[in-house]
Amino acid sequence: MASSSTPAAVREMQKDLEVQANALSKIQKDISKNHQVRKQYTIQVGENELVLKELELLDDGANVYKLIGPVLVKQDLAEAKANVKKRIEYISAELKRMDRALKDLEDKQNSKKESIFKLQQRMQAVQAKA
């Protein structure tokens, strides 16, 4: 009787293993996507910090223009600086959020890997008994 239930138990474990492997794959894709978005945000922060440095070099009476669609619109220097600073703050906050999400995903990935490893060990033990 034990020999007939063993293949069924192994099949059940294989199904579980497949489900967990698919979940791990999804987590890894999410981590990859997180890295891509994070890279994009990092580039944007660098660009905005460069713009802010350039704005800091200007005299108070300098003309600053903002591109809105196909039109250049005159903008107050203080307003331009404030907008760029706000943008840097926003993107930095998004980066911090992405970092927390990445840590959470990596924790889930490690947990899933450990779970898969334990399941593989159980399968090997069951197969060795058969």
C-alpha atoms as a PDB file:
ATOM      1  CA  MET A   1       0.000   0.000   0.000  1.00  0.00           C
ATOM      2  CA  ALA A   2       2.850   2.355   0.813  1.00  0.00           C
ATOM      3  CA  SER A   3       4.387   1.848  -2.627  1.00  0.00           C
ATOM      4  CA  SER A   4       1.160   2.929  -4.393  1.00  0.00           C
ATOM      5  CA  SER A   5       0.805   6.100  -2.302  1.00  0.00           C
ATOM      6  CA  THR A   6       4.464   7.076  -2.785  1.00  0.00           C
ATOM      7  CA  PRO A   7       4.172   7.928  -6.511  1.00  0.00           C
ATOM      8  CA  ALA A   8       1.034   9.955  -5.755  1.00  0.00           C
ATOM      9  CA  ALA A   9       2.877  11.798  -2.984  1.00  0.00           C
ATOM     10  CA  VAL A  10       5.801  12.471  -5.324  1.00  0.00           C
ATOM     11  CA  ARG A  11       3.444  13.754  -8.037  1.00  0.00           C
ATOM     12  CA  GLU A  12       1.794  16.053  -5.506  1.00  0.00           C
ATOM     13  CA  MET A  13       5.199  17.328  -4.409  1.00  0.00           C
ATOM     14  CA  GLN A  14       6.192  17.886  -8.046  1.00  0.00           C
ATOM     15  CA  LYS A  15       3.046  19.963  -8.616  1.00  0.00           C
ATOM     16  CA  ASP A  16       3.797  21.972  -5.487  1.00  0.00           C
ATOM     17  CA  LEU A  17       7.394  22.410  -6.624  1.00  0.00           C
ATOM     18  CA  GLU A  18       6.226  23.658 -10.025  1.00  0.00           C
ATOM     19  CA  VAL A  19       3.852  26.167  -8.414  1.00  0.00           C
ATOM     20  CA  GLN A  20       6.590  27.440  -6.125  1.00  0.00           C
ATOM     21  CA  ALA A  21       9.091  27.643  -9.007  1.00  0.00           C
ATOM     22  CA  ASN A  22       6.586  29.728 -10.999  1.00  0.00           C
ATOM     23  CA  ALA A  23       6.076  32.016  -7.994  1.00  0.00           C
ATOM     24  CA  LEU A  24       9.851  32.390  -7.653  1.00  0.00           C
ATOM     25  CA  SER A  25      10.117  33.246 -11.343  1.00  0.00           C
ATOM     26  CA  LYS A  26       7.458  35.955 -10.949  1.00  0.00           C
ATOM     27  CA  ILE A  27       9.295  37.426  -7.952  1.00  0.00           C
ATOM     28  CA  GLN A  28      12.532  37.487  -9.942  1.00  0.00           C
ATOM     29  CA  LYS A  29      10.784  39.297 -12.818  1.00  0.00           C
ATOM     30  CA  ASP A  30       9.429  41.843 -10.323  1.00  0.00           C
ATOM     31  CA  ILE A  31      12.947  42.361  -8.942  1.00  0.00           C
ATOM     32  CA  SER A  32      14.248  42.901 -12.466  1.00  0.00           C
ATOM     33  CA  LYS A  33      11.479  45.416 -13.207  1.00  0.00           C
ATOM     34  CA  ASN A  34      12.249  47.193  -9.917  1.00  0.00           C
ATOM     35  CA  HIS A  35      15.918  47.499 -10.922  1.00  0.00           C
ATOM     36  CA  GLN A  36      14.973  48.976 -14.304  1.00  0.00           C
ATOM     37  CA  VAL A  37      12.625  51.575 -12.820  1.00  0.00           C
ATOM     38  CA  ARG A  38      15.138  52.357 -10.076  1.00  0.00           C
ATOM     39  CA  LYS A  39      17.846  52.934 -12.679  1.00  0.00           C
ATOM     40  CA  GLN A  40      15.556  55.320 -14.557  1.00  0.00           C
ATOM     41  CA  TYR A  41      14.775  57.277 -11.361  1.00  0.00           C
ATOM     42  CA  THR A  42      18.478  57.482 -10.486  1.00  0.00           C
ATOM     43  CA  ILE A  43      19.206  58.972 -13.910  1.00  0.00           C
ATOM     44  CA  GLN A  44      16.361  61.482 -13.470  1.00  0.00           C
ATOM     45  CA  VAL A  45      17.672  62.575 -10.068  1.00  0.00           C
ATOM     46  CA  GLY A  46      21.117  63.125 -11.577  1.00  0.00           C
ATOM     47  CA  GLU A  47      19.681  65.165 -14.443  1.00  0.00           C
ATOM     48  CA  ASN A  48      17.579  67.290 -12.104  1.00  0.00           C
ATOM     49  CA  GLU A  49      20.515  67.906  -9.752  1.00  0.00           C
ATOM     50  CA  LEU A  50      22.529  69.064 -12.762  1.00  0.00           C
ATOM     51  CA  VAL A  51      19.702  71.436 -13.777  1.00  0.00           C
ATOM     52  CA  LEU A  52      19.548  72.786 -10.211  1.00  0.00           C
ATOM     53  CA  LYS A  53      23.313  73.439 -10.197  1.00  0.00           C
ATOM     54  CA  GLU A  54      22.973  75.318 -13.483  1.00  0.00           C
ATOM     55  CA  LEU A  55      20.068  77.369 -12.111  1.00  0.00           C
ATOM     56  CA  GLU A  56      22.127  78.212  -9.004  1.00  0.00           C
ATOM     57  CA  LEU A  57      24.806  79.717 -11.269  1.00  0.00           C
ATOM     58  CA  LEU A  58      22.367  82.202 -12.798  1.00  0.00           C
ATOM     59  CA  ASP A  59      21.943  85.792 -11.590  1.00  0.00           C
ATOM     60  CA  ASP A  60      18.600  86.687 -10.034  1.00  0.00           C
ATOM     61  CA  GLY A  61      17.606  88.748 -13.063  1.00  0.00           C
ATOM     62  CA  ALA A  62      18.399  86.036 -15.608  1.00  0.00           C
ATOM     63  CA  ASN A  63      15.708  84.877 -18.003  1.00  0.00           C
ATOM     64  CA  VAL A  64      14.606  81.257 -17.561  1.00  0.00           C
ATOM     65  CA  TYR A  65      12.337  79.501 -20.017  1.00  0.00           C
ATOM     66  CA  LYS A  66      10.367  76.316 -19.609  1.00  0.00           C
ATOM     67  CA  LEU A  67       9.410  74.132 -22.555  1.00  0.00           C
ATOM     68  CA  ILE A  68       5.672  73.441 -22.491  1.00  0.00           C
ATOM     69  CA  GLY A  69       4.742  71.429 -25.552  1.00  0.00           C
ATOM     70  CA  PRO A  70       6.215  73.208 -28.565  1.00  0.00           C
ATOM     71  CA  VAL A  71       6.355  76.610 -26.772  1.00  0.00           C
ATOM     72  CA  LEU A  72       9.043  78.188 -24.559  1.00  0.00           C
ATOM     73  CA  VAL A  73       7.355  80.026 -21.682  1.00  0.00           C
ATOM     74  CA  LYS A  74       9.218  82.529 -19.506  1.00  0.00           C
ATOM     75  CA  GLN A  75       9.451  81.396 -15.883  1.00  0.00           C
ATOM     76  CA  ASP A  76      10.617  83.094 -12.709  1.00  0.00           C
ATOM     77  CA  LEU A  77      14.061  81.848 -11.580  1.00  0.00           C
ATOM     78  CA  ALA A  78      12.887  81.211  -7.993  1.00  0.00           C
ATOM     79  CA  GLU A  79       9.890  79.288  -9.289  1.00  0.00           C
ATOM     80  CA  ALA A  80      12.105  77.216 -11.598  1.00  0.00           C
ATOM     81  CA  LYS A  81      14.458  76.373  -8.711  1.00  0.00           C
ATOM     82  CA  ALA A  82      11.519  75.450  -6.470  1.00  0.00           C
ATOM     83  CA  ASN A  83      10.041  73.198  -9.166  1.00  0.00           C
ATOM     84  CA  VAL A  84      13.339  71.383  -9.717  1.00  0.00           C
ATOM     85  CA  LYS A  85      13.890  70.943  -5.954  1.00  0.00           C
ATOM     86  CA  LYS A  86      10.349  69.563  -5.612  1.00  0.00           C
ATOM     87  CA  ARG A  87      10.978  67.159  -8.489  1.00  0.00           C
ATOM     88  CA  ILE A  88      14.220  65.955  -6.850  1.00  0.00           C
ATOM     89  CA  GLU A  89      12.382  65.398  -3.550  1.00  0.00           C
ATOM     90  CA  TYR A  90       9.607  63.477  -5.269  1.00  0.00           C
ATOM     91  CA  ILE A  91      11.973  61.248  -7.260  1.00  0.00           C
ATOM     92  CA  SER A  92      14.131  60.645  -4.162  1.00  0.00           C
ATOM     93  CA  ALA A  93      11.028  59.586  -2.227  1.00  0.00           C
ATOM     94  CA  GLU A  94      10.140  57.202  -5.077  1.00  0.00           C
ATOM     95  CA  LEU A  95      13.668  55.773  -4.946  1.00  0.00           C
ATOM     96  CA  LYS A  96      13.304  55.130  -1.215  1.00  0.00           C
ATOM     97  CA  ARG A  97       9.952  53.448  -1.844  1.00  0.00           C
ATOM     98  CA  MET A  98      11.554  51.317  -4.574  1.00  0.00           C
ATOM     99  CA  ASP A  99      14.353  50.346  -2.171  1.00  0.00           C
ATOM    100  CA  ARG A 100      11.829  49.171   0.419  1.00  0.00           C
ATOM    101  CA  ALA A 101       9.912  47.239  -2.241  1.00  0.00           C
ATOM    102  CA  LEU A 102      13.159  45.680  -3.488  1.00  0.00           C
ATOM    103  CA  LYS A 103      14.113  44.564   0.022  1.00  0.00           C
ATOM    104  CA  ASP A 104      10.653  43.038   0.460  1.00  0.00           C
ATOM    105  CA  LEU A 105      10.937  41.223  -2.897  1.00  0.00           C
ATOM    106  CA  GLU A 106      14.405  39.930  -2.056  1.00  0.00           C
ATOM    107  CA  ASP A 107      13.127  38.632   1.299  1.00  0.00           C
ATOM    108  CA  LYS A 108      10.263  36.870  -0.510  1.00  0.00           C
ATOM    109  CA  GLN A 109      12.724  35.449  -3.031  1.00  0.00           C
ATOM    110  CA  ASN A 110      14.981  34.057  -0.310  1.00  0.00           C
ATOM    111  CA  SER A 111      12.006  32.584   1.530  1.00  0.00           C
ATOM    112  CA  LYS A 112      10.709  30.969  -1.679  1.00  0.00           C
ATOM    113  CA  LYS A 113      14.153  29.531  -2.502  1.00  0.00           C
ATOM    114  CA  GLU A 114      14.384  28.044   0.985  1.00  0.00           C
ATOM    115  CA  SER A 115      10.900  26.587   0.649  1.00  0.00           C
ATOM    116  CA  ILE A 116      11.781  25.033  -2.726  1.00  0.00           C
ATOM    117  CA  PHE A 117      15.004  23.594  -1.321  1.00  0.00           C
ATOM    118  CA  LYS A 118      13.150  21.979   1.603  1.00  0.00           C
ATOM    119  CA  LEU A 119      10.535  20.545  -0.766  1.00  0.00           C
ATOM    120  CA  GLN A 120      13.261  19.091  -2.986  1.00  0.00           C
ATOM    121  CA  GLN A 121      14.856  17.468   0.065  1.00  0.00           C
ATOM    122  CA  ARG A 122      11.505  15.935   1.088  1.00  0.00           C
ATOM    123  CA  MET A 123      10.977  14.624  -2.451  1.00  0.00           C
ATOM    124  CA  GLN A 124      14.416  13.025  -2.451  1.00  0.00           C
ATOM    125  CA  ALA A 125      13.724  11.435   0.936  1.00  0.00           C
ATOM    126  CA  VAL A 126      10.402  10.010  -0.273  1.00  0.00           C
ATOM    127  CA  GLN A 127      11.972   8.726  -3.486  1.00  0.00           C
ATOM    128  CA  ALA A 128      14.845   7.145  -1.561  1.00  0.00           C
ATOM    129  CA  LYS A 129      12.366   5.210   0.588  1.00  0.00           C
ATOM    130  CA  ALA A 130      10.541   3.855  -2.459  1.00  0.00           C
END
